[in-house]
PDB file of N, CA and C in Angstrom:
ATOM      1  N   MET A   1      -4.645  -0.946  15.426  1.00  0.00           N
ATOM      2  CA  MET A   1      -4.183  -1.182  14.072  1.00  0.00           C
ATOM      3  C   MET A   1      -4.836  -0.158  13.141  1.00  0.00           C
ATOM      4  N   ASN A   2      -4.017   0.446  12.308  1.00  0.00           N
ATOM      5  CA  ASN A   2      -4.504   1.346  11.266  1.00  0.00           C
ATOM      6  C   ASN A   2      -4.566   0.574   9.957  1.00  0.00           C
ATOM      7  N   LYS A   3      -5.626   0.806   9.211  1.00  0.00           N
ATOM      8  CA  LYS A   3      -5.809   0.075   7.959  1.00  0.00           C
ATOM      9  C   LYS A   3      -6.478   0.990   6.939  1.00  0.00           C
ATOM     10  N   LYS A   4      -5.992   0.950   5.711  1.00  0.00           N
ATOM     11  CA  LYS A   4      -6.606   1.750   4.653  1.00  0.00           C
ATOM     12  C   LYS A   4      -6.519   0.980   3.342  1.00  0.00           C
ATOM     13  N   THR A   5      -7.596   1.077   2.561  1.00  0.00           N
ATOM     14  CA  THR A   5      -7.661   0.449   1.250  1.00  0.00           C
ATOM     15  C   THR A   5      -7.636   1.536   0.189  1.00  0.00           C
ATOM     16  N   PHE A   6      -6.686   1.420  -0.728  1.00  0.00           N
ATOM     17  CA  PHE A   6      -6.576   2.346  -1.850  1.00  0.00           C
ATOM     18  C   PHE A   6      -7.116   1.642  -3.087  1.00  0.00           C
ATOM     19  N   LYS A   7      -8.255   2.071  -3.573  1.00  0.00           N
ATOM     20  CA  LYS A   7      -8.862   1.494  -4.777  1.00  0.00           C
ATOM     21  C   LYS A   7      -8.389   2.321  -5.965  1.00  0.00           C
ATOM     22  N   ILE A   8      -7.280   1.922  -6.538  1.00  0.00           N
ATOM     23  CA  ILE A   8      -6.617   2.713  -7.566  1.00  0.00           C
ATOM     24  C   ILE A   8      -7.149   2.387  -8.962  1.00  0.00           C
ATOM     25  N   GLY A   9      -7.446   1.151  -9.202  1.00  0.00           N
ATOM     26  CA  GLY A   9      -7.985   0.771 -10.504  1.00  0.00           C
ATOM     27  C   GLY A   9      -6.911   0.469 -11.522  1.00  0.00           C
ATOM     28  N   GLU A  10      -7.082   0.985 -12.737  1.00  0.00           N
ATOM     29  CA  GLU A  10      -6.233   0.603 -13.862  1.00  0.00           C
ATOM     30  C   GLU A  10      -4.781   1.056 -13.743  1.00  0.00           C
ATOM     31  N   TYR A  11      -4.462   1.936 -12.828  1.00  0.00           N
ATOM     32  CA  TYR A  11      -3.079   2.376 -12.645  1.00  0.00           C
ATOM     33  C   TYR A  11      -2.330   1.525 -11.638  1.00  0.00           C
ATOM     34  N   CYS A  12      -2.899   0.383 -11.292  1.00  0.00           N
ATOM     35  CA  CYS A  12      -2.316  -0.483 -10.276  1.00  0.00           C
ATOM     36  C   CYS A  12      -2.518  -1.947 -10.678  1.00  0.00           C
ATOM     37  N   LYS A  13      -1.477  -2.765 -10.510  1.00  0.00           N
ATOM     38  CA  LYS A  13      -1.642  -4.201 -10.739  1.00  0.00           C
ATOM     39  C   LYS A  13      -2.718  -4.708  -9.791  1.00  0.00           C
ATOM     40  N   GLY A  14      -3.710  -5.348 -10.309  1.00  0.00           N
ATOM     41  CA  GLY A  14      -4.800  -5.856  -9.490  1.00  0.00           C
ATOM     42  C   GLY A  14      -5.854  -4.820  -9.170  1.00  0.00           C
ATOM     43  N   GLY A  15      -5.458  -3.569  -9.047  1.00  0.00           N
ATOM     44  CA  GLY A  15      -6.403  -2.488  -8.813  1.00  0.00           C
ATOM     45  C   GLY A  15      -6.513  -1.989  -7.387  1.00  0.00           C
ATOM     46  N   ILE A  16      -6.054  -2.785  -6.410  1.00  0.00           N
ATOM     47  CA  ILE A  16      -6.240  -2.425  -5.004  1.00  0.00           C
ATOM     48  C   ILE A  16      -4.934  -2.590  -4.234  1.00  0.00           C
ATOM     49  N   ILE A  17      -4.632  -1.594  -3.398  1.00  0.00           N
ATOM     50  CA  ILE A  17      -3.529  -1.693  -2.446  1.00  0.00           C
ATOM     51  C   ILE A  17      -4.120  -1.472  -1.063  1.00  0.00           C
ATOM     52  N   GLU A  18      -3.820  -2.392  -0.170  1.00  0.00           N
ATOM     53  CA  GLU A  18      -4.294  -2.276   1.204  1.00  0.00           C
ATOM     54  C   GLU A  18      -3.078  -2.160   2.117  1.00  0.00           C
ATOM     55  N   VAL A  19      -3.134  -1.238   3.074  1.00  0.00           N
ATOM     56  CA  VAL A  19      -2.030  -1.026   4.008  1.00  0.00           C
ATOM     57  C   VAL A  19      -2.539  -1.274   5.418  1.00  0.00           C
ATOM     58  N   GLU A  20      -1.789  -2.067   6.172  1.00  0.00           N
ATOM     59  CA  GLU A  20      -2.096  -2.332   7.576  1.00  0.00           C
ATOM     60  C   GLU A  20      -0.876  -1.944   8.402  1.00  0.00           C
ATOM     61  N   ILE A  21      -1.095  -1.161   9.455  1.00  0.00           N
ATOM     62  CA  ILE A  21       0.000  -0.762  10.337  1.00  0.00           C
ATOM     63  C   ILE A  21      -0.341  -1.239  11.741  1.00  0.00           C
ATOM     64  N   THR A  22       0.506  -2.108  12.269  1.00  0.00           N
ATOM     65  CA  THR A  22       0.346  -2.626  13.613  1.00  0.00           C
ATOM     66  C   THR A  22       1.632  -2.322  14.372  1.00  0.00           C
ATOM     67  N   GLY A  23       1.579  -1.347  15.264  1.00  0.00           N
ATOM     68  CA  GLY A  23       2.789  -0.935  15.974  1.00  0.00           C
ATOM     69  C   GLY A  23       3.795  -0.368  14.990  1.00  0.00           C
ATOM     70  N   LYS A  24       4.958  -1.011  14.895  1.00  0.00           N
ATOM     71  CA  LYS A  24       6.001  -0.559  13.974  1.00  0.00           C
ATOM     72  C   LYS A  24       6.035  -1.370  12.671  1.00  0.00           C
ATOM     73  N   ILE A  25       5.126  -2.325  12.556  1.00  0.00           N
ATOM     74  CA  ILE A  25       5.098  -3.195  11.375  1.00  0.00           C
ATOM     75  C   ILE A  25       4.128  -2.629  10.339  1.00  0.00           C
ATOM     76  N   ILE A  26       4.642  -2.416   9.140  1.00  0.00           N
ATOM     77  CA  ILE A  26       3.837  -1.907   8.019  1.00  0.00           C
ATOM     78  C   ILE A  26       3.703  -3.031   6.996  1.00  0.00           C
ATOM     79  N   THR A  27       2.471  -3.380   6.678  1.00  0.00           N
ATOM     80  CA  THR A  27       2.203  -4.428   5.700  1.00  0.00           C
ATOM     81  C   THR A  27       1.447  -3.826   4.524  1.00  0.00           C
ATOM     82  N   VAL A  28       1.970  -4.054   3.321  1.00  0.00           N
ATOM     83  CA  VAL A  28       1.333  -3.582   2.092  1.00  0.00           C
ATOM     84  C   VAL A  28       0.871  -4.815   1.328  1.00  0.00           C
ATOM     85  N   ILE A  29      -0.412  -4.816   0.951  1.00  0.00           N
ATOM     86  CA  ILE A  29      -1.022  -5.972   0.299  1.00  0.00           C
ATOM     87  C   ILE A  29      -1.576  -5.552  -1.055  1.00  0.00           C
ATOM     88  N   GLY A  30      -1.201  -6.285  -2.100  1.00  0.00           N
ATOM     89  CA  GLY A  30      -1.767  -6.074  -3.425  1.00  0.00           C
ATOM     90  C   GLY A  30      -2.925  -7.040  -3.618  1.00  0.00           C
ATOM     91  N   LYS A  31      -4.069  -6.518  -4.081  1.00  0.00           N
ATOM     92  CA  LYS A  31      -5.250  -7.362  -4.267  1.00  0.00           C
ATOM     93  C   LYS A  31      -5.817  -7.193  -5.674  1.00  0.00           C
ATOM     94  N   ASP A  32      -6.428  -8.276  -6.160  1.00  0.00           N
ATOM     95  CA  ASP A  32      -7.131  -8.237  -7.441  1.00  0.00           C
ATOM     96  C   ASP A  32      -8.533  -7.697  -7.222  1.00  0.00           C
ATOM     97  N   TRP A  33      -8.977  -6.850  -8.127  1.00  0.00           N
ATOM     98  CA  TRP A  33     -10.319  -6.275  -8.042  1.00  0.00           C
ATOM     99  C   TRP A  33     -11.357  -7.380  -8.143  1.00  0.00           C
ATOM    100  N   ASP A  34     -12.349  -7.368  -7.243  1.00  0.00           N
ATOM    101  CA  ASP A  34     -13.431  -8.352  -7.240  1.00  0.00           C
ATOM    102  C   ASP A  34     -14.611  -7.780  -8.028  1.00  0.00           C
ATOM    103  N   PHE A  35     -14.685  -8.139  -9.312  1.00  0.00           N
ATOM    104  CA  PHE A  35     -15.729  -7.581 -10.170  1.00  0.00           C
ATOM    105  C   PHE A  35     -17.120  -8.132  -9.864  1.00  0.00           C
ATOM    106  N   SER A  36     -17.204  -9.180  -9.059  1.00  0.00           N
ATOM    107  CA  SER A  36     -18.521  -9.710  -8.708  1.00  0.00           C
ATOM    108  C   SER A  36     -19.307  -8.740  -7.818  1.00  0.00           C
ATOM    109  N   THR A  37     -18.607  -7.806  -7.181  1.00  0.00           N
ATOM    110  CA  THR A  37     -19.277  -6.815  -6.333  1.00  0.00           C
ATOM    111  C   THR A  37     -19.440  -5.471  -7.034  1.00  0.00           C
ATOM    112  N   GLY A  38     -18.941  -5.373  -8.251  1.00  0.00           N
ATOM    113  CA  GLY A  38     -19.068  -4.134  -9.006  1.00  0.00           C
ATOM    114  C   GLY A  38     -17.721  -3.615  -9.478  1.00  0.00           C
ATOM    115  N   SER A  39     -17.782  -2.675 -10.407  1.00  0.00           N
ATOM    116  CA  SER A  39     -16.546  -2.138 -10.967  1.00  0.00           C
ATOM    117  C   SER A  39     -16.280  -0.691 -10.566  1.00  0.00           C
ATOM    118  N   LYS A  40     -17.139  -0.129  -9.762  1.00  0.00           N
ATOM    119  CA  LYS A  40     -16.966   1.265  -9.343  1.00  0.00           C
ATOM    120  C   LYS A  40     -16.184   1.342  -8.038  1.00  0.00           C
ATOM    121  N   LYS A  41     -15.579   2.513  -7.787  1.00  0.00           N
ATOM    122  CA  LYS A  41     -14.764   2.689  -6.588  1.00  0.00           C
ATOM    123  C   LYS A  41     -15.543   2.495  -5.289  1.00  0.00           C
ATOM    124  N   ASP A  42     -16.831   2.733  -5.306  1.00  0.00           N
ATOM    125  CA  ASP A  42     -17.612   2.577  -4.078  1.00  0.00           C
ATOM    126  C   ASP A  42     -18.077   1.133  -3.848  1.00  0.00           C
ATOM    127  N   SER A  43     -17.667   0.197  -4.721  1.00  0.00           N
ATOM    128  CA  SER A  43     -18.053  -1.206  -4.533  1.00  0.00           C
ATOM    129  C   SER A  43     -17.274  -1.809  -3.366  1.00  0.00           C
ATOM    130  N   ASP A  44     -17.863  -2.796  -2.707  1.00  0.00           N
ATOM    131  CA  ASP A  44     -17.248  -3.459  -1.563  1.00  0.00           C
ATOM    132  C   ASP A  44     -16.157  -4.409  -2.045  1.00  0.00           C
ATOM    133  N   GLN A  45     -14.923  -4.084  -1.729  1.00  0.00           N
ATOM    134  CA  GLN A  45     -13.792  -4.903  -2.152  1.00  0.00           C
ATOM    135  C   GLN A  45     -13.114  -5.626  -0.986  1.00  0.00           C
ATOM    136  N   SER A  46     -13.843  -5.790   0.111  1.00  0.00           N
ATOM    137  CA  SER A  46     -13.270  -6.407   1.308  1.00  0.00           C
ATOM    138  C   SER A  46     -12.905  -7.878   1.100  1.00  0.00           C
ATOM    139  N   ASN A  47     -13.539  -8.545   0.152  1.00  0.00           N
ATOM    140  CA  ASN A  47     -13.238  -9.959  -0.114  1.00  0.00           C
ATOM    141  C   ASN A  47     -12.353 -10.159  -1.333  1.00  0.00           C
ATOM    142  N   ALA A  48     -11.723  -9.101  -1.804  1.00  0.00           N
ATOM    143  CA  ALA A  48     -10.829  -9.212  -2.960  1.00  0.00           C
ATOM    144  C   ALA A  48      -9.666 -10.139  -2.620  1.00  0.00           C
ATOM    145  N   LYS A  49      -9.198 -10.881  -3.603  1.00  0.00           N
ATOM    146  CA  LYS A  49      -8.139 -11.869  -3.398  1.00  0.00           C
ATOM    147  C   LYS A  49      -6.766 -11.211  -3.382  1.00  0.00           C
ATOM    148  N   GLU A  50      -5.995 -11.561  -2.386  1.00  0.00           N
ATOM    149  CA  GLU A  50      -4.626 -11.066  -2.240  1.00  0.00           C
ATOM    150  C   GLU A  50      -3.704 -11.822  -3.196  1.00  0.00           C
ATOM    151  N   PHE A  51      -2.785 -11.090  -3.860  1.00  0.00           N
ATOM    152  CA  PHE A  51      -1.813 -11.774  -4.715  1.00  0.00           C
ATOM    153  C   PHE A  51      -0.367 -11.486  -4.326  1.00  0.00           C
ATOM    154  N   ILE A  52      -0.131 -10.468  -3.507  1.00  0.00           N
ATOM    155  CA  ILE A  52       1.231 -10.181  -3.046  1.00  0.00           C
ATOM    156  C   ILE A  52       1.167  -9.425  -1.729  1.00  0.00           C
ATOM    157  N   ARG A  53       2.202  -9.627  -0.906  1.00  0.00           N
ATOM    158  CA  ARG A  53       2.258  -8.971   0.409  1.00  0.00           C
ATOM    159  C   ARG A  53       3.713  -8.642   0.724  1.00  0.00           C
ATOM    160  N   GLY A  54       3.924  -7.447   1.256  1.00  0.00           N
ATOM    161  CA  GLY A  54       5.251  -7.028   1.689  1.00  0.00           C
ATOM    162  C   GLY A  54       5.164  -6.420   3.073  1.00  0.00           C
ATOM    163  N   THR A  55       6.167  -6.709   3.899  1.00  0.00           N
ATOM    164  CA  THR A  55       6.177  -6.216   5.271  1.00  0.00           C
ATOM    165  C   THR A  55       7.516  -5.557   5.558  1.00  0.00           C
ATOM    166  N   VAL A  56       7.456  -4.430   6.274  1.00  0.00           N
ATOM    167  CA  VAL A  56       8.672  -3.724   6.666  1.00  0.00           C
ATOM    168  C   VAL A  56       8.457  -3.122   8.044  1.00  0.00           C
ATOM    169  N   GLU A  57       9.522  -2.982   8.808  1.00  0.00           N
ATOM    170  CA  GLU A  57       9.452  -2.337  10.116  1.00  0.00           C
ATOM    171  C   GLU A  57       9.791  -0.860   9.944  1.00  0.00           C
ATOM    172  N   SER A  58       8.996   0.022  10.537  1.00  0.00           N
ATOM    173  CA  SER A  58       9.165   1.461  10.330  1.00  0.00           C
ATOM    174  C   SER A  58      10.497   1.987  10.858  1.00  0.00           C
ATOM    175  N   THR A  59      11.116   1.289  11.789  1.00  0.00           N
ATOM    176  CA  THR A  59      12.394   1.736  12.335  1.00  0.00           C
ATOM    177  C   THR A  59      13.588   1.272  11.512  1.00  0.00           C
ATOM    178  N   ASP A  60      13.351   0.467  10.507  1.00  0.00           N
ATOM    179  CA  ASP A  60      14.401   0.016   9.601  1.00  0.00           C
ATOM    180  C   ASP A  60      14.940   1.236   8.854  1.00  0.00           C
ATOM    181  N   GLY A  61      16.230   1.387   8.800  1.00  0.00           N
ATOM    182  CA  GLY A  61      16.854   2.543   8.151  1.00  0.00           C
ATOM    183  C   GLY A  61      16.527   2.657   6.676  1.00  0.00           C
ATOM    184  N   SER A  62      16.162   1.565   6.050  1.00  0.00           N
ATOM    185  CA  SER A  62      15.825   1.599   4.623  1.00  0.00           C
ATOM    186  C   SER A  62      14.335   1.332   4.392  1.00  0.00           C
ATOM    187  N   ALA A  63      13.511   1.591   5.388  1.00  0.00           N
ATOM    188  CA  ALA A  63      12.072   1.320   5.290  1.00  0.00           C
ATOM    189  C   ALA A  63      11.430   2.091   4.148  1.00  0.00           C
ATOM    190  N   TYR A  64      11.756   3.366   4.023  1.00  0.00           N
ATOM    191  CA  TYR A  64      11.171   4.180   2.953  1.00  0.00           C
ATOM    192  C   TYR A  64      11.517   3.596   1.589  1.00  0.00           C
ATOM    193  N   ARG A  65      12.775   3.266   1.383  1.00  0.00           N
ATOM    194  CA  ARG A  65      13.218   2.724   0.087  1.00  0.00           C
ATOM    195  C   ARG A  65      12.555   1.385  -0.199  1.00  0.00           C
ATOM    196  N   LYS A  66      12.442   0.528   0.804  1.00  0.00           N
ATOM    197  CA  LYS A  66      11.793  -0.771   0.607  1.00  0.00           C
ATOM    198  C   LYS A  66      10.325  -0.604   0.233  1.00  0.00           C
ATOM    199  N   LEU A  67       9.630   0.299   0.935  1.00  0.00           N
ATOM    200  CA  LEU A  67       8.227   0.570   0.612  1.00  0.00           C
ATOM    201  C   LEU A  67       8.107   1.148  -0.791  1.00  0.00           C
ATOM    202  N   TYR A  68       8.958   2.113  -1.105  1.00  0.00           N
ATOM    203  CA  TYR A  68       8.901   2.759  -2.416  1.00  0.00           C
ATOM    204  C   TYR A  68       9.115   1.740  -3.535  1.00  0.00           C
ATOM    205  N   ASP A  69      10.132   0.906  -3.390  1.00  0.00           N
ATOM    206  CA  ASP A  69      10.423  -0.100  -4.421  1.00  0.00           C
ATOM    207  C   ASP A  69       9.272  -1.097  -4.561  1.00  0.00           C
ATOM    208  N   PHE A  70       8.728  -1.546  -3.439  1.00  0.00           N
ATOM    209  CA  PHE A  70       7.617  -2.502  -3.474  1.00  0.00           C
ATOM    210  C   PHE A  70       6.399  -1.885  -4.144  1.00  0.00           C
ATOM    211  N   LEU A  71       6.068  -0.659  -3.754  1.00  0.00           N
ATOM    212  CA  LEU A  71       4.877  -0.004  -4.291  1.00  0.00           C
ATOM    213  C   LEU A  71       5.020   0.371  -5.765  1.00  0.00           C
ATOM    214  N   THR A  72       6.214   0.775  -6.198  1.00  0.00           N
ATOM    215  CA  THR A  72       6.364   1.129  -7.612  1.00  0.00           C
ATOM    216  C   THR A  72       6.296  -0.099  -8.512  1.00  0.00           C
ATOM    217  N   ASP A  73       6.476  -1.284  -7.944  1.00  0.00           N
ATOM    218  CA  ASP A  73       6.222  -2.507  -8.713  1.00  0.00           C
ATOM    219  C   ASP A  73       4.728  -2.711  -8.927  1.00  0.00           C
ATOM    220  N   LEU A  74       3.908  -2.161  -8.023  1.00  0.00           N
ATOM    221  CA  LEU A  74       2.461  -2.327  -8.105  1.00  0.00           C
ATOM    222  C   LEU A  74       1.764  -1.187  -8.836  1.00  0.00           C
ATOM    223  N   THR A  75       2.295   0.038  -8.725  1.00  0.00           N
ATOM    224  CA  THR A  75       1.580   1.198  -9.254  1.00  0.00           C
ATOM    225  C   THR A  75       2.555   2.287  -9.693  1.00  0.00           C
ATOM    226  N   THR A  76       2.026   3.427 -10.052  1.00  0.00           N
ATOM    227  CA  THR A  76       2.837   4.540 -10.535  1.00  0.00           C
ATOM    228  C   THR A  76       3.479   5.310  -9.373  1.00  0.00           C
ATOM    229  N   HIS A  77       4.422   6.179  -9.709  1.00  0.00           N
ATOM    230  CA  HIS A  77       5.081   7.014  -8.716  1.00  0.00           C
ATOM    231  C   HIS A  77       4.051   7.869  -7.964  1.00  0.00           C
ATOM    232  N   TYR A  78       3.087   8.425  -8.679  1.00  0.00           N
ATOM    233  CA  TYR A  78       2.072   9.284  -8.074  1.00  0.00           C
ATOM    234  C   TYR A  78       1.332   8.558  -6.946  1.00  0.00           C
ATOM    235  N   TYR A  79       0.820   7.368  -7.213  1.00  0.00           N
ATOM    236  CA  TYR A  79       0.071   6.627  -6.199  1.00  0.00           C
ATOM    237  C   TYR A  79       0.995   6.060  -5.117  1.00  0.00           C
ATOM    238  N   THR A  80       2.222   5.733  -5.488  1.00  0.00           N
ATOM    239  CA  THR A  80       3.195   5.303  -4.489  1.00  0.00           C
ATOM    240  C   THR A  80       3.378   6.392  -3.440  1.00  0.00           C
ATOM    241  N   GLU A  81       3.538   7.629  -3.891  1.00  0.00           N
ATOM    242  CA  GLU A  81       3.708   8.751  -2.967  1.00  0.00           C
ATOM    243  C   GLU A  81       2.448   8.979  -2.125  1.00  0.00           C
ATOM    244  N   LYS A  82       1.271   8.796  -2.701  1.00  0.00           N
ATOM    245  CA  LYS A  82       0.017   8.947  -1.946  1.00  0.00           C
ATOM    246  C   LYS A  82      -0.058   7.916  -0.810  1.00  0.00           C
ATOM    247  N   VAL A  83       0.310   6.672  -1.103  1.00  0.00           N
ATOM    248  CA  VAL A  83       0.277   5.616  -0.091  1.00  0.00           C
ATOM    249  C   VAL A  83       1.314   5.900   0.995  1.00  0.00           C
ATOM    250  N   ILE A  84       2.526   6.256   0.599  1.00  0.00           N
ATOM    251  CA  ILE A  84       3.582   6.534   1.574  1.00  0.00           C
ATOM    252  C   ILE A  84       3.232   7.763   2.423  1.00  0.00           C
ATOM    253  N   ASP A  85       2.626   8.784   1.822  1.00  0.00           N
ATOM    254  CA  ASP A  85       2.201   9.959   2.592  1.00  0.00           C
ATOM    255  C   ASP A  85       1.199   9.556   3.678  1.00  0.00           C
ATOM    256  N   TRP A  86       0.270   8.649   3.356  1.00  0.00           N
ATOM    257  CA  TRP A  86      -0.686   8.185   4.364  1.00  0.00           C
ATOM    258  C   TRP A  86       0.037   7.413   5.462  1.00  0.00           C
ATOM    259  N   ILE A  87       0.987   6.561   5.074  1.00  0.00           N
ATOM    260  CA  ILE A  87       1.754   5.787   6.055  1.00  0.00           C
ATOM    261  C   ILE A  87       2.486   6.728   7.009  1.00  0.00           C
ATOM    262  N   LYS A  88       3.053   7.813   6.485  1.00  0.00           N
ATOM    263  CA  LYS A  88       3.784   8.780   7.319  1.00  0.00           C
ATOM    264  C   LYS A  88       2.879   9.443   8.356  1.00  0.00           C
ATOM    265  N   THR A  89       1.585   9.568   8.062  1.00  0.00           N
ATOM    266  CA  THR A  89       0.674  10.170   9.036  1.00  0.00           C
ATOM    267  C   THR A  89       0.326   9.215  10.169  1.00  0.00           C
ATOM    268  N   LYS A  90       0.562   7.930   9.972  1.00  0.00           N
ATOM    269  CA  LYS A  90       0.176   6.925  10.961  1.00  0.00           C
ATOM    270  C   LYS A  90       1.344   6.344  11.743  1.00  0.00           C
ATOM    271  N   THR A  91       2.555   6.524  11.259  1.00  0.00           N
ATOM    272  CA  THR A  91       3.732   5.979  11.931  1.00  0.00           C
ATOM    273  C   THR A  91       4.930   6.866  11.636  1.00  0.00           C
ATOM    274  N   GLU A  92       5.937   6.752  12.462  1.00  0.00           N
ATOM    275  CA  GLU A  92       7.146   7.538  12.249  1.00  0.00           C
ATOM    276  C   GLU A  92       8.062   6.762  11.317  1.00  0.00           C
ATOM    277  N   LEU A  93       7.968   7.064  10.058  1.00  0.00           N
ATOM    278  CA  LEU A  93       8.760   6.392   9.024  1.00  0.00           C
ATOM    279  C   LEU A  93      10.054   7.160   8.832  1.00  0.00           C
ATOM    280  N   ILE A  94      11.153   6.463   8.963  1.00  0.00           N
ATOM    281  CA  ILE A  94      12.453   7.102   8.782  1.00  0.00           C
ATOM    282  C   ILE A  94      12.601   7.448   7.307  1.00  0.00           C
ATOM    283  N   PRO A  95      12.835   8.731   6.976  1.00  0.00           N
ATOM    284  CA  PRO A  95      12.942   9.131   5.566  1.00  0.00           C
ATOM    285  C   PRO A  95      14.203   8.570   4.918  1.00  0.00           C
ATOM    286  N   ALA A  96      14.149   8.480   3.604  1.00  0.00           N
ATOM    287  CA  ALA A  96      15.313   7.992   2.848  1.00  0.00           C
ATOM    288  C   ALA A  96      16.443   8.994   3.011  1.00  0.00           C
ATOM    289  N   ARG A  97      17.642   8.490   3.089  1.00  0.00           N
ATOM    290  CA  ARG A  97      18.806   9.359   3.221  1.00  0.00           C
ATOM    291  C   ARG A  97      19.170   9.953   1.881  1.00  0.00           C
ATOM    292  N   SER A  98      19.530  11.216   1.903  1.00  0.00           N
ATOM    293  CA  SER A  98      20.032  11.819   0.668  1.00  0.00           C
ATOM    294  C   SER A  98      21.528  12.036   0.845  1.00  0.00           C
ATOM    295  N   TRP A  99      22.286  11.631  -0.101  1.00  0.00           N
ATOM    296  CA  TRP A  99      23.740  11.705  -0.001  1.00  0.00           C
ATOM    297  C   TRP A  99      24.248  12.928  -0.669  1.00  0.00           C
TER     298      TRP A  99
END
């Protein structure tokens, strides 16, 4: 399983996006920042509370669009692309079709 935590902060609802990839299943989790452990990016946010979760299969023809739409609800286009770029390095994500 591949897992990465993006501590984005004020440009993200809750401040944290966590991505877990298990086989072909991609799970994106939105978490609230846990200020009891600190407010800096190097603070331990492993116990942050989850408030939303989305799952998509990488072989789904619309996987890119589903991830993009889900992530842009949580953060800006810039960070959405950063998260998706990381996902592409860990799994074969079918790109969005251009018509």
